Amino acid sequence: MKILIVHGPNLNLLGERNPKQYGTESLTDLNSHIRENYGKDHTLKFFQSNSEGAIVDCLHEERYWADSIVINPGALTHYSYVLRDAIEAVELPCVEVHLSDIANREEFRKISVITPVCIGQVKGKGFDSYVEGIQMLMEHTQ
């Protein structure tokens, strides 16, 4: 399976930004963790941007390459109908993931406009949110 892993805004600051919430490991560490778990059996492509438009462009450009998507939309989760529509438009199985448990954080983080166009959401499991997201995709495509 060819999996597009999309990291949204501020995930480039993993390890530096709010380590109590997100830990001390970097985005490079996260990508390595994903590769260690799934890189042997699947082809992975990683993308990170702080720009909503760049993420939408990536989804459009990679729609013929990828079989599925794992996306951590960051704060775009809560308001980006543009991103929601892009995920729906590419018509690939997609899992929304979050390092922290957004349901147990600030009130505005409890709402996701992305979840309705995904096959599921995994949150609050740190790096393993991505691992479980990929497992969810594998179960969905079998």
N, C-alpha and C. Protein backbone atom coordinates (compact mmCIF):
# COMPACT_ATOMS: atom_id res chain seq x y z
N MET A 1 0.85 -1.18 0.00
CA MET A 1 0.00 0.00 0.00
C MET A 1 0.89 1.24 0.00
N LYS A 2 0.51 2.25 -0.77
CA LYS A 2 1.20 3.53 -0.81
C LYS A 2 0.41 4.52 0.06
N ILE A 3 1.07 4.97 1.12
CA ILE A 3 0.41 5.81 2.12
C ILE A 3 1.03 7.20 2.15
N LEU A 4 0.19 8.20 1.98
CA LEU A 4 0.61 9.59 2.11
C LEU A 4 0.39 10.01 3.55
N ILE A 5 1.47 10.43 4.21
CA ILE A 5 1.40 10.90 5.60
C ILE A 5 1.51 12.41 5.56
N VAL A 6 0.46 13.10 6.00
CA VAL A 6 0.42 14.56 5.94
C VAL A 6 0.43 15.12 7.36
N HIS A 7 1.41 15.97 7.62
CA HIS A 7 1.54 16.66 8.90
C HIS A 7 1.18 18.12 8.67
N GLY A 8 0.22 18.62 9.43
CA GLY A 8 -0.25 19.98 9.26
C GLY A 8 0.55 21.01 10.02
N PRO A 9 -0.07 22.19 10.20
CA PRO A 9 0.60 23.33 10.80
C PRO A 9 1.19 23.04 12.18
N ASN A 10 2.37 23.56 12.37
CA ASN A 10 3.12 23.55 13.61
C ASN A 10 3.75 22.21 13.97
N LEU A 11 3.48 21.18 13.20
CA LEU A 11 4.09 19.89 13.51
C LEU A 11 5.58 19.87 13.21
N ASN A 12 6.05 20.83 12.43
CA ASN A 12 7.49 20.98 12.22
C ASN A 12 8.19 21.40 13.52
N LEU A 13 7.43 21.87 14.51
CA LEU A 13 8.02 22.29 15.78
C LEU A 13 7.93 21.22 16.87
N LEU A 14 7.58 20.00 16.48
CA LEU A 14 7.55 18.92 17.47
C LEU A 14 8.90 18.84 18.18
N GLY A 15 8.85 18.64 19.47
CA GLY A 15 10.06 18.58 20.29
C GLY A 15 10.43 19.92 20.88
N GLU A 16 9.92 20.99 20.29
CA GLU A 16 10.19 22.35 20.78
C GLU A 16 8.91 22.99 21.32
N ARG A 17 7.81 22.81 20.62
CA ARG A 17 6.55 23.45 20.97
C ARG A 17 5.84 22.65 22.07
N ASN A 18 5.56 23.30 23.16
CA ASN A 18 4.76 22.73 24.24
C ASN A 18 5.11 21.25 24.51
N PRO A 19 6.33 20.98 24.97
CA PRO A 19 6.73 19.59 25.17
C PRO A 19 5.88 18.84 26.20
N LYS A 20 5.24 19.55 27.12
CA LYS A 20 4.36 18.86 28.07
C LYS A 20 3.17 18.23 27.35
N GLN A 21 2.72 18.87 26.28
CA GLN A 21 1.57 18.36 25.52
C GLN A 21 2.00 17.39 24.43
N TYR A 22 3.11 17.71 23.76
CA TYR A 22 3.48 16.97 22.55
C TYR A 22 4.75 16.14 22.68
N GLY A 23 5.45 16.25 23.80
CA GLY A 23 6.67 15.47 23.99
C GLY A 23 7.91 16.20 23.48
N THR A 24 9.04 15.53 23.57
CA THR A 24 10.32 16.14 23.23
C THR A 24 10.91 15.59 21.94
N GLU A 25 10.24 14.66 21.30
CA GLU A 25 10.76 14.10 20.05
C GLU A 25 10.32 14.97 18.87
N SER A 26 11.13 14.97 17.83
CA SER A 26 10.93 15.84 16.68
C SER A 26 10.05 15.20 15.60
N LEU A 27 9.75 15.98 14.59
CA LEU A 27 9.01 15.46 13.44
C LEU A 27 9.83 14.38 12.73
N THR A 28 11.14 14.57 12.66
CA THR A 28 12.01 13.54 12.09
C THR A 28 11.90 12.24 12.89
N ASP A 29 11.85 12.36 14.21
CA ASP A 29 11.67 11.17 15.06
C ASP A 29 10.32 10.51 14.78
N LEU A 30 9.28 11.30 14.61
CA LEU A 30 7.96 10.75 14.31
C LEU A 30 7.98 10.01 12.98
N ASN A 31 8.55 10.62 11.95
CA ASN A 31 8.61 9.95 10.65
C ASN A 31 9.41 8.65 10.74
N SER A 32 10.49 8.66 11.50
CA SER A 32 11.28 7.43 11.70
C SER A 32 10.46 6.36 12.40
N HIS A 33 9.67 6.76 13.40
CA HIS A 33 8.81 5.83 14.12
C HIS A 33 7.81 5.18 13.16
N ILE A 34 7.23 5.96 12.30
CA ILE A 34 6.27 5.44 11.32
C ILE A 34 6.98 4.50 10.36
N ARG A 35 8.15 4.91 9.86
CA ARG A 35 8.92 4.07 8.94
C ARG A 35 9.30 2.73 9.57
N GLU A 36 9.71 2.77 10.85
CA GLU A 36 10.10 1.54 11.55
C GLU A 36 8.94 0.56 11.63
N ASN A 37 7.73 1.08 11.80
CA ASN A 37 6.57 0.21 11.93
C ASN A 37 5.99 -0.23 10.59
N TYR A 38 6.08 0.60 9.56
CA TYR A 38 5.38 0.30 8.31
C TYR A 38 6.21 0.47 7.05
N GLY A 39 7.42 0.96 7.14
CA GLY A 39 8.23 1.22 5.96
C GLY A 39 8.66 -0.01 5.19
N LYS A 40 8.70 -1.16 5.83
CA LYS A 40 9.13 -2.38 5.15
C LYS A 40 8.01 -2.95 4.28
N ASP A 41 6.79 -2.80 4.72
CA ASP A 41 5.66 -3.42 4.03
C ASP A 41 4.88 -2.46 3.15
N HIS A 42 5.12 -1.16 3.31
CA HIS A 42 4.36 -0.14 2.57
C HIS A 42 5.30 0.94 2.07
N THR A 43 4.87 1.61 1.02
CA THR A 43 5.61 2.76 0.51
C THR A 43 5.01 4.00 1.16
N LEU A 44 5.85 4.76 1.83
CA LEU A 44 5.39 5.93 2.58
C LEU A 44 5.93 7.20 1.95
N LYS A 45 5.10 8.22 1.90
CA LYS A 45 5.54 9.54 1.46
C LYS A 45 5.09 10.52 2.52
N PHE A 46 6.02 11.36 2.98
CA PHE A 46 5.74 12.31 4.06
C PHE A 46 5.67 13.73 3.51
N PHE A 47 4.75 14.50 4.07
CA PHE A 47 4.61 15.90 3.68
C PHE A 47 4.22 16.69 4.92
N GLN A 48 4.84 17.85 5.10
CA GLN A 48 4.46 18.76 6.19
C GLN A 48 4.40 20.17 5.65
N SER A 49 3.35 20.88 6.05
CA SER A 49 3.26 22.30 5.70
C SER A 49 2.47 23.04 6.76
N ASN A 50 2.82 24.30 6.90
CA ASN A 50 2.06 25.20 7.77
C ASN A 50 0.99 25.94 6.98
N SER A 51 0.90 25.66 5.70
CA SER A 51 -0.01 26.35 4.80
C SER A 51 -1.17 25.45 4.38
N GLU A 52 -2.36 25.92 4.63
CA GLU A 52 -3.57 25.18 4.24
C GLU A 52 -3.56 24.89 2.74
N GLY A 53 -3.24 25.90 1.93
CA GLY A 53 -3.24 25.72 0.48
C GLY A 53 -2.23 24.70 0.01
N ALA A 54 -1.04 24.69 0.63
CA ALA A 54 -0.02 23.71 0.25
C ALA A 54 -0.47 22.29 0.58
N ILE A 55 -1.18 22.13 1.68
CA ILE A 55 -1.69 20.79 2.04
C ILE A 55 -2.75 20.35 1.04
N VAL A 56 -3.65 21.25 0.67
CA VAL A 56 -4.66 20.93 -0.34
C VAL A 56 -3.99 20.57 -1.66
N ASP A 57 -3.00 21.37 -2.08
CA ASP A 57 -2.28 21.08 -3.31
C ASP A 57 -1.61 19.71 -3.26
N CYS A 58 -1.01 19.38 -2.12
CA CYS A 58 -0.38 18.06 -1.96
C CYS A 58 -1.40 16.94 -2.14
N LEU A 59 -2.55 17.07 -1.50
CA LEU A 59 -3.58 16.04 -1.64
C LEU A 59 -3.99 15.88 -3.10
N HIS A 60 -4.18 16.99 -3.79
CA HIS A 60 -4.56 16.94 -5.20
C HIS A 60 -3.47 16.28 -6.04
N GLU A 61 -2.23 16.69 -5.82
CA GLU A 61 -1.11 16.19 -6.62
C GLU A 61 -0.83 14.71 -6.36
N GLU A 62 -1.02 14.24 -5.15
CA GLU A 62 -0.67 12.86 -4.80
C GLU A 62 -1.84 11.89 -4.91
N ARG A 63 -2.99 12.36 -5.34
CA ARG A 63 -4.19 11.50 -5.36
C ARG A 63 -4.05 10.29 -6.27
N TYR A 64 -3.23 10.38 -7.30
CA TYR A 64 -3.04 9.23 -8.18
C TYR A 64 -1.90 8.34 -7.73
N TRP A 65 -1.00 8.88 -6.93
CA TRP A 65 0.09 8.08 -6.39
C TRP A 65 -0.37 7.26 -5.19
N ALA A 66 -1.06 7.90 -4.26
CA ALA A 66 -1.40 7.28 -2.97
C ALA A 66 -2.59 6.33 -3.09
N ASP A 67 -2.56 5.31 -2.22
CA ASP A 67 -3.72 4.44 -2.03
C ASP A 67 -4.56 4.91 -0.86
N SER A 68 -3.93 5.64 0.06
CA SER A 68 -4.62 6.09 1.27
C SER A 68 -3.83 7.23 1.91
N ILE A 69 -4.48 7.87 2.89
CA ILE A 69 -3.90 9.04 3.54
C ILE A 69 -4.05 8.93 5.05
N VAL A 70 -3.00 9.32 5.75
CA VAL A 70 -3.07 9.57 7.18
C VAL A 70 -2.75 11.05 7.33
N ILE A 71 -3.65 11.79 7.99
CA ILE A 71 -3.45 13.23 8.11
C ILE A 71 -3.62 13.70 9.54
N ASN A 72 -2.66 14.51 9.97
CA ASN A 72 -2.80 15.25 11.21
C ASN A 72 -2.98 16.70 10.79
N PRO A 73 -4.22 17.18 10.75
CA PRO A 73 -4.46 18.52 10.24
C PRO A 73 -4.12 19.64 11.22
N GLY A 74 -3.66 19.30 12.42
CA GLY A 74 -3.37 20.33 13.41
C GLY A 74 -4.62 21.17 13.66
N ALA A 75 -4.42 22.46 13.83
CA ALA A 75 -5.54 23.36 14.12
C ALA A 75 -6.52 23.47 12.97
N LEU A 76 -6.12 23.07 11.74
CA LEU A 76 -7.06 23.09 10.61
C LEU A 76 -8.24 22.15 10.85
N THR A 77 -8.04 21.21 11.75
CA THR A 77 -9.09 20.25 12.12
C THR A 77 -10.41 20.93 12.44
N HIS A 78 -10.32 22.06 13.07
CA HIS A 78 -11.49 22.66 13.71
C HIS A 78 -12.25 23.65 12.84
N TYR A 79 -11.67 24.04 11.70
CA TYR A 79 -12.36 25.06 10.92
C TYR A 79 -12.15 24.96 9.41
N SER A 80 -11.28 24.10 8.92
CA SER A 80 -10.91 24.14 7.51
C SER A 80 -11.85 23.30 6.65
N TYR A 81 -12.88 23.97 6.16
CA TYR A 81 -13.78 23.30 5.21
C TYR A 81 -13.10 23.10 3.86
N VAL A 82 -12.11 23.92 3.56
CA VAL A 82 -11.33 23.74 2.34
C VAL A 82 -10.59 22.40 2.39
N LEU A 83 -9.95 22.12 3.51
CA LEU A 83 -9.24 20.85 3.67
C LEU A 83 -10.22 19.69 3.70
N ARG A 84 -11.32 19.86 4.39
CA ARG A 84 -12.36 18.83 4.43
C ARG A 84 -12.81 18.47 3.01
N ASP A 85 -13.09 19.49 2.21
CA ASP A 85 -13.55 19.26 0.84
C ASP A 85 -12.47 18.61 -0.02
N ALA A 86 -11.21 18.97 0.21
CA ALA A 86 -10.11 18.36 -0.55
C ALA A 86 -9.99 16.87 -0.24
N ILE A 87 -10.10 16.52 1.04
CA ILE A 87 -10.05 15.10 1.43
C ILE A 87 -11.19 14.34 0.77
N GLU A 88 -12.36 14.92 0.81
CA GLU A 88 -13.52 14.27 0.18
C GLU A 88 -13.31 14.14 -1.33
N ALA A 89 -12.77 15.19 -1.96
CA ALA A 89 -12.62 15.21 -3.42
C ALA A 89 -11.63 14.19 -3.95
N VAL A 90 -10.56 13.90 -3.19
CA VAL A 90 -9.56 12.96 -3.71
C VAL A 90 -10.02 11.51 -3.65
N GLU A 91 -11.06 11.26 -2.88
CA GLU A 91 -11.72 9.95 -2.83
C GLU A 91 -10.76 8.81 -2.48
N LEU A 92 -9.90 9.06 -1.49
CA LEU A 92 -9.02 8.02 -0.96
C LEU A 92 -9.38 7.77 0.49
N PRO A 93 -9.24 6.54 0.97
CA PRO A 93 -9.46 6.30 2.40
C PRO A 93 -8.48 7.16 3.20
N CYS A 94 -9.00 7.84 4.21
CA CYS A 94 -8.19 8.77 5.00
C CYS A 94 -8.51 8.59 6.47
N VAL A 95 -7.47 8.61 7.29
CA VAL A 95 -7.62 8.57 8.74
C VAL A 95 -7.05 9.87 9.30
N GLU A 96 -7.81 10.50 10.16
CA GLU A 96 -7.39 11.71 10.87
C GLU A 96 -6.71 11.28 12.17
N VAL A 97 -5.53 11.82 12.42
CA VAL A 97 -4.81 11.48 13.65
C VAL A 97 -4.39 12.74 14.39
N HIS A 98 -4.25 12.59 15.71
CA HIS A 98 -3.77 13.68 16.56
C HIS A 98 -2.90 13.08 17.65
N LEU A 99 -1.79 13.72 17.93
CA LEU A 99 -0.90 13.25 18.99
C LEU A 99 -1.56 13.36 20.36
N SER A 100 -2.26 14.47 20.59
CA SER A 100 -2.93 14.69 21.87
C SER A 100 -4.41 14.30 21.75
N ASP A 101 -5.05 14.20 22.88
CA ASP A 101 -6.49 13.88 22.89
C ASP A 101 -7.26 15.20 22.80
N ILE A 102 -7.64 15.55 21.59
CA ILE A 102 -8.29 16.84 21.36
C ILE A 102 -9.63 16.95 22.08
N ALA A 103 -10.23 15.84 22.42
CA ALA A 103 -11.51 15.86 23.14
C ALA A 103 -11.35 16.30 24.59
N ASN A 104 -10.13 16.22 25.11
CA ASN A 104 -9.86 16.60 26.50
C ASN A 104 -9.02 17.86 26.60
N ARG A 105 -9.14 18.71 25.60
CA ARG A 105 -8.37 19.96 25.60
C ARG A 105 -9.34 21.14 25.58
N GLU A 106 -8.92 22.25 25.02
CA GLU A 106 -9.78 23.43 24.97
C GLU A 106 -11.08 23.11 24.24
N GLU A 107 -12.10 23.85 24.59
CA GLU A 107 -13.44 23.59 24.04
C GLU A 107 -13.44 23.60 22.51
N PHE A 108 -12.76 24.56 21.89
CA PHE A 108 -12.80 24.66 20.43
C PHE A 108 -12.15 23.46 19.74
N ARG A 109 -11.29 22.74 20.45
CA ARG A 109 -10.61 21.59 19.84
C ARG A 109 -11.49 20.34 19.80
N LYS A 110 -12.60 20.36 20.45
CA LYS A 110 -13.46 19.18 20.52
C LYS A 110 -14.23 18.92 19.23
N ILE A 111 -14.29 19.91 18.36
CA ILE A 111 -15.03 19.78 17.10
C ILE A 111 -14.05 19.58 15.96
N SER A 112 -14.30 18.55 15.15
CA SER A 112 -13.51 18.32 13.95
C SER A 112 -14.43 18.38 12.74
N VAL A 113 -14.09 19.24 11.80
CA VAL A 113 -14.84 19.27 10.53
C VAL A 113 -14.25 18.26 9.55
N ILE A 114 -13.14 17.64 9.92
CA ILE A 114 -12.44 16.68 9.06
C ILE A 114 -12.98 15.26 9.23
N THR A 115 -13.32 14.89 10.44
CA THR A 115 -13.73 13.51 10.74
C THR A 115 -14.83 12.96 9.83
N PRO A 116 -15.86 13.75 9.47
CA PRO A 116 -16.93 13.18 8.65
C PRO A 116 -16.49 12.66 7.27
N VAL A 117 -15.33 13.10 6.76
CA VAL A 117 -14.88 12.61 5.46
C VAL A 117 -13.73 11.61 5.59
N CYS A 118 -13.50 11.13 6.80
CA CYS A 118 -12.46 10.14 7.07
C CYS A 118 -13.10 8.82 7.50
N ILE A 119 -12.34 7.75 7.37
CA ILE A 119 -12.86 6.45 7.83
C ILE A 119 -12.75 6.32 9.34
N GLY A 120 -11.99 7.21 9.96
CA GLY A 120 -11.87 7.19 11.41
C GLY A 120 -10.91 8.24 11.92
N GLN A 121 -10.84 8.32 13.24
CA GLN A 121 -9.96 9.27 13.92
C GLN A 121 -9.26 8.55 15.06
N VAL A 122 -7.95 8.81 15.20
CA VAL A 122 -7.18 8.28 16.32
C VAL A 122 -6.53 9.48 17.00
N LYS A 123 -6.72 9.57 18.32
CA LYS A 123 -6.21 10.74 19.03
C LYS A 123 -5.68 10.34 20.40
N GLY A 124 -4.72 11.14 20.88
CA GLY A 124 -4.25 10.99 22.24
C GLY A 124 -3.27 9.87 22.49
N LYS A 125 -2.66 9.33 21.45
CA LYS A 125 -1.74 8.20 21.64
C LYS A 125 -0.32 8.55 21.20
N GLY A 126 -0.03 9.84 21.13
CA GLY A 126 1.30 10.26 20.71
C GLY A 126 1.63 9.72 19.34
N PHE A 127 2.89 9.32 19.15
CA PHE A 127 3.31 8.79 17.85
C PHE A 127 2.48 7.58 17.43
N ASP A 128 2.01 6.82 18.40
CA ASP A 128 1.23 5.62 18.07
C ASP A 128 -0.15 5.96 17.47
N SER A 129 -0.57 7.22 17.54
CA SER A 129 -1.79 7.61 16.84
C SER A 129 -1.62 7.35 15.35
N TYR A 130 -0.44 7.64 14.83
CA TYR A 130 -0.17 7.40 13.41
C TYR A 130 -0.14 5.90 13.11
N VAL A 131 0.49 5.13 13.99
CA VAL A 131 0.57 3.68 13.81
C VAL A 131 -0.83 3.08 13.79
N GLU A 132 -1.66 3.47 14.75
CA GLU A 132 -3.04 2.96 14.78
C GLU A 132 -3.83 3.44 13.58
N GLY A 133 -3.54 4.65 13.11
CA GLY A 133 -4.21 5.15 11.92
C GLY A 133 -3.90 4.30 10.70
N ILE A 134 -2.64 3.91 10.55
CA ILE A 134 -2.26 3.04 9.43
C ILE A 134 -2.90 1.67 9.59
N GLN A 135 -2.94 1.16 10.81
CA GLN A 135 -3.63 -0.12 11.03
C GLN A 135 -5.09 -0.04 10.64
N MET A 136 -5.72 1.08 10.96
CA MET A 136 -7.12 1.30 10.58
C MET A 136 -7.29 1.28 9.06
N LEU A 137 -6.35 1.91 8.35
CA LEU A 137 -6.40 1.90 6.89
C LEU A 137 -6.25 0.47 6.35
N MET A 138 -5.32 -0.28 6.92
CA MET A 138 -5.09 -1.65 6.46
C MET A 138 -6.33 -2.50 6.66
N GLU A 139 -6.99 -2.36 7.79
CA GLU A 139 -8.21 -3.12 8.04
C GLU A 139 -9.32 -2.69 7.09
N HIS A 140 -9.37 -1.43 6.77
CA HIS A 140 -10.40 -0.88 5.89
C HIS A 140 -10.23 -1.39 4.45
N THR A 141 -8.99 -1.57 4.02
CA THR A 141 -8.74 -1.95 2.63
C THR A 141 -8.71 -3.46 2.40
N GLN A 142 -8.80 -4.23 3.47
CA GLN A 142 -8.78 -5.70 3.30
C GLN A 142 -10.13 -6.23 2.90
